[in-house]
């Protein structure tokens, strides 16, 4: 057919590390694979970047980025000893060694709070992650374990509370909170399938996204609109 076909996609012209959606402003956030890495706030109607900032070694541990983005749905009582308000931009920074959890002012790009995961064996090389308001904990996925694992972290102290295997290998990946079931969704660039899992790692279901045009090595972020 020659009739136009509306596709639910946006070409931002970048290699993406993760994506986040802000339900208050209706804006998208992306992390690029540039050097230095850039964080952009996008108008989803046009793809135009309305605001951006670069990662610095001083603020983010390194100028490259591997990890997760999230607009906080609720505040964090303590991120390394500092309260963080809802609506802040959370970065799970797995490119630094050791990993860092960093909260950023979404208007200015200024760092509000930071937690370095510097305990024994805590160089996770996180490839995705999020803050979970239900438990009050950080969940992050690591690709440097065999098998790959998801870790539950206390945001106040950085202590590891739990760990369980992911349903598939993780390289680049994405995580999101389901607004209906309140479970997690996790995806990976190693598969076209995403999985809904509970906070203890029980797989609820898996969904193959091949019919939506996902064709291998493409999933590097997840977010609900």
Protein backbone atom coordinates (compact mmCIF):
# COMPACT_ATOMS: atom_id res chain seq x y z
CA UNK A 1 0.00 0.00 0.00
CA UNK A 2 1.06 3.59 -0.61
CA UNK A 3 -0.93 4.89 2.36
CA UNK A 4 1.22 6.45 5.12
CA UNK A 5 1.93 4.23 8.11
CA UNK A 6 2.32 5.82 11.53
CA UNK A 7 5.24 4.27 13.44
CA UNK A 8 5.57 4.61 17.19
CA UNK A 9 9.23 5.59 17.11
CA UNK A 10 11.53 8.60 17.24
CA UNK A 11 14.93 8.82 15.55
CA UNK A 12 17.19 10.93 17.75
CA UNK A 13 20.34 10.35 15.70
CA UNK A 14 22.34 8.95 18.61
CA UNK A 15 23.52 5.66 20.07
CA UNK A 16 21.52 5.47 23.30
CA UNK A 17 22.54 4.13 26.68
CA UNK A 18 19.11 4.54 28.30
CA UNK A 19 15.81 6.42 28.15
CA UNK A 20 13.47 7.85 30.79
CA UNK A 21 10.05 9.51 30.63
CA UNK A 22 8.85 12.39 32.81
CA UNK A 23 5.05 12.09 33.23
CA UNK A 24 4.83 15.60 34.72
CA UNK A 25 6.40 17.43 31.77
CA UNK A 26 5.79 14.83 29.06
CA UNK A 27 9.47 14.96 28.11
CA UNK A 28 11.91 12.18 27.27
CA UNK A 29 15.42 11.90 28.70
CA UNK A 30 18.21 10.03 26.93
CA UNK A 31 21.83 9.19 27.69
CA UNK A 32 24.15 9.08 24.68
CA UNK A 33 27.24 7.06 23.88
CA UNK A 34 29.29 10.18 23.13
CA UNK A 35 32.61 11.08 24.75
CA UNK A 36 31.87 12.86 26.95
CA UNK A 37 28.44 11.29 27.36
CA UNK A 38 25.52 13.68 27.11
CA UNK A 39 22.18 13.67 28.91
CA UNK A 40 19.39 15.26 26.84
CA UNK A 41 15.82 16.31 27.58
CA UNK A 42 13.83 15.84 24.36
CA UNK A 43 10.53 17.11 23.05
CA UNK A 44 8.93 13.80 21.97
CA UNK A 45 6.82 15.53 19.33
CA UNK A 46 9.84 16.91 17.47
CA UNK A 47 12.90 15.07 18.79
CA UNK A 48 14.51 18.45 19.53
CA UNK A 49 16.85 18.62 22.52
CA UNK A 50 15.57 21.32 24.87
CA UNK A 51 18.32 20.95 27.46
CA UNK A 52 21.48 18.89 27.90
CA UNK A 53 24.56 18.50 30.04
CA UNK A 54 27.81 16.56 29.72
CA UNK A 55 29.15 14.07 32.25
CA UNK A 56 32.28 15.16 34.09
CA UNK A 57 34.74 13.05 36.03
CA UNK A 58 34.28 15.24 39.10
CA UNK A 59 30.51 14.86 39.20
CA UNK A 60 29.94 11.43 37.69
CA UNK A 61 33.15 9.46 38.21
CA UNK A 62 33.99 9.40 34.50
CA UNK A 63 32.92 11.15 31.31
CA UNK A 64 31.46 7.96 29.79
CA UNK A 65 28.13 6.41 30.72
CA UNK A 66 26.82 2.90 31.19
CA UNK A 67 23.76 2.42 33.33
CA UNK A 68 20.24 3.69 33.85
CA UNK A 69 18.15 6.85 33.83
CA UNK A 70 14.97 7.48 35.81
CA UNK A 71 12.78 10.43 36.73
CA UNK A 72 12.11 9.71 40.39
CA UNK A 73 8.40 8.94 40.95
CA UNK A 74 8.87 9.74 44.64
CA UNK A 75 11.58 11.20 46.80
CA UNK A 76 14.47 9.21 48.27
CA UNK A 77 14.75 9.78 52.03
CA UNK A 78 18.51 9.32 51.93
CA UNK A 79 20.87 8.88 49.01
CA UNK A 80 24.21 8.60 50.76
CA UNK A 81 22.86 10.79 53.56
CA UNK A 82 21.10 13.43 51.42
CA UNK A 83 17.34 13.61 50.79
CA UNK A 84 16.38 13.75 47.09
CA UNK A 85 13.01 15.17 45.94
CA UNK A 86 10.58 13.48 43.56
CA UNK A 87 11.05 14.55 39.95
CA UNK A 88 14.84 14.51 40.18
CA UNK A 89 16.82 12.71 37.48
CA UNK A 90 18.49 9.56 38.81
CA UNK A 91 21.59 8.14 37.10
CA UNK A 92 22.80 4.62 37.80
CA UNK A 93 26.42 5.15 36.72
CA UNK A 94 28.09 1.82 35.96
CA UNK A 95 30.93 3.25 33.88
CA UNK A 96 32.70 4.66 36.94
CA UNK A 97 34.77 2.34 39.12
CA UNK A 98 33.28 1.76 41.58
CA UNK A 99 29.68 2.39 40.48
CA UNK A 100 27.81 5.49 41.59
CA UNK A 101 24.16 6.38 42.15
CA UNK A 102 23.69 10.08 41.34
CA UNK A 103 20.68 12.39 41.65
CA UNK A 104 20.61 15.43 39.37
CA UNK A 105 18.51 18.60 39.21
CA UNK A 106 16.63 18.15 35.90
CA UNK A 107 16.51 21.89 35.28
CA UNK A 108 20.18 22.73 35.80
CA UNK A 109 22.06 19.43 35.58
CA UNK A 110 23.61 20.06 39.00
CA UNK A 111 24.39 17.04 41.18
CA UNK A 112 22.06 16.92 44.20
CA UNK A 113 23.38 13.78 45.89
CA UNK A 114 25.73 10.93 45.13
CA UNK A 115 26.41 7.48 46.57
CA UNK A 116 29.57 5.54 45.70
CA UNK A 117 29.16 1.77 45.91
CA UNK A 118 32.62 1.18 47.31
CA UNK A 119 32.10 -1.89 49.49
CA UNK A 120 33.97 -5.15 49.01
CA UNK A 121 33.13 -6.74 45.66
CA UNK A 122 30.81 -3.90 44.68
CA UNK A 123 32.19 -2.99 41.25
CA UNK A 124 28.97 -4.04 39.59
CA UNK A 125 29.46 -2.46 36.15
CA UNK A 126 25.75 -1.69 36.26
CA UNK A 127 24.12 -1.61 32.84
CA UNK A 128 20.67 -0.50 34.02
CA UNK A 129 18.76 0.17 37.21
CA UNK A 130 16.09 2.16 39.01
CA UNK A 131 14.77 3.37 42.36
CA UNK A 132 11.79 1.40 43.64
CA UNK A 133 9.41 3.48 45.83
CA UNK A 134 7.66 0.37 47.16
CA UNK A 135 10.76 -1.05 48.85
CA UNK A 136 12.66 2.22 49.09
CA UNK A 137 15.66 0.50 47.49
CA UNK A 138 17.79 0.73 44.36
CA UNK A 139 17.77 -2.23 41.95
CA UNK A 140 20.57 -2.50 39.40
CA UNK A 141 21.61 -5.12 36.87
CA UNK A 142 25.22 -6.16 36.29
CA UNK A 143 26.62 -7.69 33.12
CA UNK A 144 29.93 -8.80 34.67
CA UNK A 145 28.55 -11.73 36.66
CA UNK A 146 28.06 -15.28 35.39
CA UNK A 147 25.13 -15.64 35.22
CA UNK A 148 24.19 -11.95 35.17
CA UNK A 149 22.40 -10.71 38.26
CA UNK A 150 20.08 -8.05 39.63
CA UNK A 151 21.13 -6.47 42.95
CA UNK A 152 19.03 -4.77 45.61
CA UNK A 153 20.86 -1.85 47.23
CA UNK A 154 20.15 0.33 50.27
CA UNK A 155 20.35 3.91 48.91
CA UNK A 156 21.30 5.34 52.30
CA UNK A 157 24.40 3.18 52.84
CA UNK A 158 25.10 1.33 49.58
CA UNK A 159 24.76 -2.02 51.36
CA UNK A 160 23.79 -4.96 49.15
CA UNK A 161 20.53 -6.45 50.46
CA UNK A 162 19.76 -9.16 47.93
CA UNK A 163 20.82 -10.60 44.58
CA UNK A 164 19.19 -12.92 42.05
CA UNK A 165 19.83 -14.09 38.50
CA UNK A 166 18.34 -12.21 35.55
CA UNK A 167 16.08 -14.21 33.18
CA UNK A 168 18.55 -13.72 30.31
CA UNK A 169 22.06 -12.38 29.73
CA UNK A 170 22.43 -8.62 30.13
CA UNK A 171 24.80 -6.49 28.06
CA UNK A 172 23.21 -3.15 27.35
CA UNK A 173 19.88 -3.18 29.15
CA UNK A 174 16.87 -1.35 30.48
CA UNK A 175 14.54 -1.48 33.48
CA UNK A 176 11.16 0.10 34.18
CA UNK A 177 8.42 0.00 36.82
CA UNK A 178 5.06 -1.30 35.59
CA UNK A 179 2.44 1.33 36.60
CA UNK A 180 -0.29 -1.33 36.77
CA UNK A 181 1.29 -4.46 38.29
CA UNK A 182 4.06 -2.55 40.15
CA UNK A 183 6.52 -5.23 39.03
CA UNK A 184 9.76 -4.60 37.15
CA UNK A 185 10.34 -5.01 33.43
CA UNK A 186 13.85 -5.78 32.28
CA UNK A 187 15.31 -5.95 28.78
CA UNK A 188 18.69 -6.62 27.19
CA UNK A 189 20.48 -6.02 23.92
CA UNK A 190 21.15 -9.77 23.79
CA UNK A 191 17.48 -10.65 23.13
CA UNK A 192 14.28 -9.32 21.55
CA UNK A 193 12.34 -10.47 24.63
CA UNK A 194 11.59 -8.41 27.74
CA UNK A 195 10.57 -9.95 31.05
CA UNK A 196 8.24 -8.88 33.85
CA UNK A 197 9.73 -9.91 37.20
CA UNK A 198 8.95 -9.49 40.87
CA UNK A 199 11.25 -7.89 43.43
CA UNK A 200 12.63 -11.33 44.27
CA UNK A 201 13.36 -12.29 40.67
CA UNK A 202 10.33 -14.47 39.93
CA UNK A 203 9.51 -14.24 36.22
CA UNK A 204 5.84 -13.32 35.73
CA UNK A 205 5.89 -13.33 31.92
CA UNK A 206 8.08 -12.68 28.91
CA UNK A 207 7.10 -10.73 25.79
CA UNK A 208 8.79 -10.97 22.39
CA UNK A 209 9.05 -7.49 20.80
CA UNK A 210 10.11 -8.72 17.34
CA UNK A 211 6.68 -7.80 15.92
CA UNK A 212 7.33 -4.18 16.95
CA UNK A 213 10.52 -4.00 14.89
CA UNK A 214 13.04 -4.97 17.56
CA UNK A 215 15.65 -6.99 15.74
CA UNK A 216 18.60 -7.89 17.93
CA UNK A 217 21.10 -5.78 19.89
CA UNK A 218 18.65 -2.88 20.12
CA UNK A 219 17.20 -2.82 23.65
CA UNK A 220 19.31 -0.46 25.74
CA UNK A 221 16.55 1.22 27.75
CA UNK A 222 12.94 0.81 28.89
CA UNK A 223 10.38 3.30 30.15
CA UNK A 224 6.60 3.49 30.48
CA UNK A 225 4.78 6.42 28.90
